[in-house]
Amino acid sequence: MFNDAPMTFELKEGRTPDTRIFRLAGPLTLRNMFEFQAALRIEPQPRTTVLDLTEVPYMDSAGMGLIVNFYVHCKGKGVNVVVAGVCDRVMELFRLTKVDTVIPFQATYNEEEFDG
């Protein structure tokens, strides 16, 4: 079951020093989001943060809240947030909550194509 599976993430710098990329793998749920939440708070914030959800098969409302809160926090500081690689199941949650009309999305994330 998705709720019991672990979630891991990798933090790396983008092509430019002002871009930070988080690559998540596994479900983003209340049970496993706190380490990721702490990593999102690393200061100073870059000009652009990419949340690569390519390997996230499931997200609950807590995971959604984490992403929305992070986006709002960053927007207030002038930091761009892009969510990339969202599977159909997770994208449906973004659509149902109308978050897809607020947060910028990319179908996939390819470091060479992203201009930060």
C-alpha atoms as a PDB file:
ATOM      1  CA  MET A   1       0.000   0.000   0.000  1.00  0.00           C
ATOM      2  CA  PHE A   2       1.220   3.528  -0.819  1.00  0.00           C
ATOM      3  CA  ASN A   3       0.865   4.837   2.730  1.00  0.00           C
ATOM      4  CA  ASP A   4       3.411   2.354   4.049  1.00  0.00           C
ATOM      5  CA  ALA A   5       6.027   2.879   1.349  1.00  0.00           C
ATOM      6  CA  PRO A   6       8.990   5.132   2.138  1.00  0.00           C
ATOM      7  CA  MET A   7       9.621   8.402   0.355  1.00  0.00           C
ATOM      8  CA  THR A   8      13.137   9.552  -0.408  1.00  0.00           C
ATOM      9  CA  PHE A   9      14.447  12.694  -2.020  1.00  0.00           C
ATOM     10  CA  GLU A  10      17.639  13.977  -3.511  1.00  0.00           C
ATOM     11  CA  LEU A  11      18.636  17.627  -3.354  1.00  0.00           C
ATOM     12  CA  LYS A  12      20.940  18.933  -6.038  1.00  0.00           C
ATOM     13  CA  GLU A  13      21.970  22.207  -7.550  1.00  0.00           C
ATOM     14  CA  GLY A  14      20.777  23.019 -11.054  1.00  0.00           C
ATOM     15  CA  ARG A  15      22.822  24.201 -14.000  1.00  0.00           C
ATOM     16  CA  THR A  16      23.027  27.603 -12.390  1.00  0.00           C
ATOM     17  CA  PRO A  17      23.770  28.274  -8.714  1.00  0.00           C
ATOM     18  CA  ASP A  18      20.376  29.952  -8.388  1.00  0.00           C
ATOM     19  CA  THR A  19      18.469  26.722  -9.115  1.00  0.00           C
ATOM     20  CA  ARG A  20      17.763  23.956  -6.594  1.00  0.00           C
ATOM     21  CA  ILE A  21      16.195  20.640  -7.582  1.00  0.00           C
ATOM     22  CA  PHE A  22      14.418  18.199  -5.310  1.00  0.00           C
ATOM     23  CA  ARG A  23      13.895  14.759  -6.884  1.00  0.00           C
ATOM     24  CA  LEU A  24      11.352  12.780  -4.899  1.00  0.00           C
ATOM     25  CA  ALA A  25      10.730   9.034  -5.058  1.00  0.00           C
ATOM     26  CA  GLY A  26       7.822   7.292  -3.362  1.00  0.00           C
ATOM     27  CA  PRO A  27       4.524   8.561  -1.983  1.00  0.00           C
ATOM     28  CA  LEU A  28       4.416  12.053  -0.500  1.00  0.00           C
ATOM     29  CA  THR A  29       2.202  11.572   2.554  1.00  0.00           C
ATOM     30  CA  LEU A  30       1.809  12.816   6.107  1.00  0.00           C
ATOM     31  CA  ARG A  31       3.673   9.761   7.332  1.00  0.00           C
ATOM     32  CA  ASN A  32       6.869  10.477   5.419  1.00  0.00           C
ATOM     33  CA  MET A  33       6.983  14.199   4.554  1.00  0.00           C
ATOM     34  CA  PHE A  34       8.744  15.754   7.549  1.00  0.00           C
ATOM     35  CA  GLU A  35      12.351  15.240   6.484  1.00  0.00           C
ATOM     36  CA  PHE A  36      11.497  16.667   3.064  1.00  0.00           C
ATOM     37  CA  GLN A  37       9.678  19.576   4.711  1.00  0.00           C
ATOM     38  CA  ALA A  38      12.795  20.385   6.729  1.00  0.00           C
ATOM     39  CA  ALA A  39      14.972  20.285   3.599  1.00  0.00           C
ATOM     40  CA  LEU A  40      12.669  22.760   1.847  1.00  0.00           C
ATOM     41  CA  ARG A  41      13.448  25.283   4.576  1.00  0.00           C
ATOM     42  CA  ILE A  42      17.190  25.391   3.810  1.00  0.00           C
ATOM     43  CA  GLU A  43      18.298  29.009   3.543  1.00  0.00           C
ATOM     44  CA  PRO A  44      19.171  30.954   1.576  1.00  0.00           C
ATOM     45  CA  GLN A  45      16.476  30.144  -0.932  1.00  0.00           C
ATOM     46  CA  PRO A  46      17.613  30.024  -4.562  1.00  0.00           C
ATOM     47  CA  ARG A  47      15.960  32.036  -7.327  1.00  0.00           C
ATOM     48  CA  THR A  48      14.224  28.860  -8.613  1.00  0.00           C
ATOM     49  CA  THR A  49      13.252  25.583  -6.954  1.00  0.00           C
ATOM     50  CA  VAL A  50      12.148  22.597  -9.019  1.00  0.00           C
ATOM     51  CA  LEU A  51      10.122  19.837  -7.389  1.00  0.00           C
ATOM     52  CA  ASP A  52      10.602  16.787  -9.609  1.00  0.00           C
ATOM     53  CA  LEU A  53       7.743  14.403  -8.814  1.00  0.00           C
ATOM     54  CA  THR A  54       8.472  11.964 -11.641  1.00  0.00           C
ATOM     55  CA  GLU A  55       8.789   9.052  -9.200  1.00  0.00           C
ATOM     56  CA  VAL A  56       5.921  10.040  -6.873  1.00  0.00           C
ATOM     57  CA  PRO A  57       3.035   7.618  -7.499  1.00  0.00           C
ATOM     58  CA  TYR A  58       0.734   8.995  -4.808  1.00  0.00           C
ATOM     59  CA  MET A  59       0.238  12.089  -2.677  1.00  0.00           C
ATOM     60  CA  ASP A  60      -2.260  12.687   0.131  1.00  0.00           C
ATOM     61  CA  SER A  61      -3.750  15.985   1.280  1.00  0.00           C
ATOM     62  CA  ALA A  62      -0.827  16.591   3.661  1.00  0.00           C
ATOM     63  CA  GLY A  63       1.637  16.263   0.795  1.00  0.00           C
ATOM     64  CA  MET A  64      -0.493  18.615  -1.271  1.00  0.00           C
ATOM     65  CA  GLY A  65      -0.601  21.098   1.608  1.00  0.00           C
ATOM     66  CA  LEU A  66       3.179  20.931   1.923  1.00  0.00           C
ATOM     67  CA  ILE A  67       3.660  21.828  -1.736  1.00  0.00           C
ATOM     68  CA  VAL A  68       1.057  24.614  -1.651  1.00  0.00           C
ATOM     69  CA  ASN A  69       2.496  26.125   1.541  1.00  0.00           C
ATOM     70  CA  PHE A  70       6.018  25.963   0.120  1.00  0.00           C
ATOM     71  CA  TYR A  71       4.836  27.654  -3.089  1.00  0.00           C
ATOM     72  CA  VAL A  72       3.093  30.466  -1.181  1.00  0.00           C
ATOM     73  CA  HIS A  73       6.134  30.945   1.081  1.00  0.00           C
ATOM     74  CA  CYS A  74       8.457  31.145  -1.928  1.00  0.00           C
ATOM     75  CA  LYS A  75       6.203  33.445  -3.921  1.00  0.00           C
ATOM     76  CA  GLY A  76       6.311  35.905  -1.011  1.00  0.00           C
ATOM     77  CA  LYS A  77      10.122  35.879  -1.189  1.00  0.00           C
ATOM     78  CA  GLY A  78      10.317  36.171  -4.983  1.00  0.00           C
ATOM     79  CA  VAL A  79      11.412  32.560  -5.448  1.00  0.00           C
ATOM     80  CA  ASN A  80      10.081  30.666  -8.479  1.00  0.00           C
ATOM     81  CA  VAL A  81       8.714  27.163  -7.859  1.00  0.00           C
ATOM     82  CA  VAL A  82       8.099  24.700 -10.677  1.00  0.00           C
ATOM     83  CA  VAL A  83       6.565  21.251 -10.220  1.00  0.00           C
ATOM     84  CA  ALA A  84       7.607  18.736 -12.865  1.00  0.00           C
ATOM     85  CA  GLY A  85       6.978  15.149 -13.883  1.00  0.00           C
ATOM     86  CA  VAL A  86       3.614  14.704 -12.170  1.00  0.00           C
ATOM     87  CA  CYS A  87       1.912  11.352 -12.846  1.00  0.00           C
ATOM     88  CA  ASP A  88      -1.760  11.248 -13.848  1.00  0.00           C
ATOM     89  CA  ARG A  89      -2.948  10.150 -10.409  1.00  0.00           C
ATOM     90  CA  VAL A  90      -1.205  13.015  -8.602  1.00  0.00           C
ATOM     91  CA  MET A  91      -2.126  15.512 -11.317  1.00  0.00           C
ATOM     92  CA  GLU A  92      -5.776  14.635 -10.792  1.00  0.00           C
ATOM     93  CA  LEU A  93      -5.401  15.766  -7.159  1.00  0.00           C
ATOM     94  CA  PHE A  94      -3.880  19.051  -8.364  1.00  0.00           C
ATOM     95  CA  ARG A  95      -6.807  19.489 -10.786  1.00  0.00           C
ATOM     96  CA  LEU A  96      -9.514  18.622  -8.253  1.00  0.00           C
ATOM     97  CA  THR A  97      -8.138  21.194  -5.842  1.00  0.00           C
ATOM     98  CA  LYS A  98      -7.533  23.728  -8.661  1.00  0.00           C
ATOM     99  CA  VAL A  99      -3.885  24.000  -7.592  1.00  0.00           C
ATOM    100  CA  ASP A 100      -2.950  23.335 -11.219  1.00  0.00           C
ATOM    101  CA  THR A 101      -4.199  26.844 -12.019  1.00  0.00           C
ATOM    102  CA  VAL A 102      -1.844  28.442  -9.485  1.00  0.00           C
ATOM    103  CA  ILE A 103       1.454  26.542  -9.457  1.00  0.00           C
ATOM    104  CA  PRO A 104       3.539  26.301 -12.653  1.00  0.00           C
ATOM    105  CA  PHE A 105       3.926  22.751 -13.974  1.00  0.00           C
ATOM    106  CA  GLN A 106       6.184  21.111 -16.523  1.00  0.00           C
ATOM    107  CA  ALA A 107       5.275  17.738 -18.031  1.00  0.00           C
ATOM    108  CA  THR A 108       8.814  16.470 -17.462  1.00  0.00           C
ATOM    109  CA  TYR A 109      12.012  17.759 -15.985  1.00  0.00           C
ATOM    110  CA  ASN A 110      15.147  17.723 -18.074  1.00  0.00           C
ATOM    111  CA  GLU A 111      18.024  19.685 -16.620  1.00  0.00           C
ATOM    112  CA  GLU A 112      19.472  20.544 -20.022  1.00  0.00           C
ATOM    113  CA  GLU A 113      16.182  22.058 -21.196  1.00  0.00           C
ATOM    114  CA  PHE A 114      15.318  23.959 -18.036  1.00  0.00           C
ATOM    115  CA  ASP A 115      16.390  27.571 -18.129  1.00  0.00           C
ATOM    116  CA  GLY A 116      15.851  28.214 -14.418  1.00  0.00           C
END
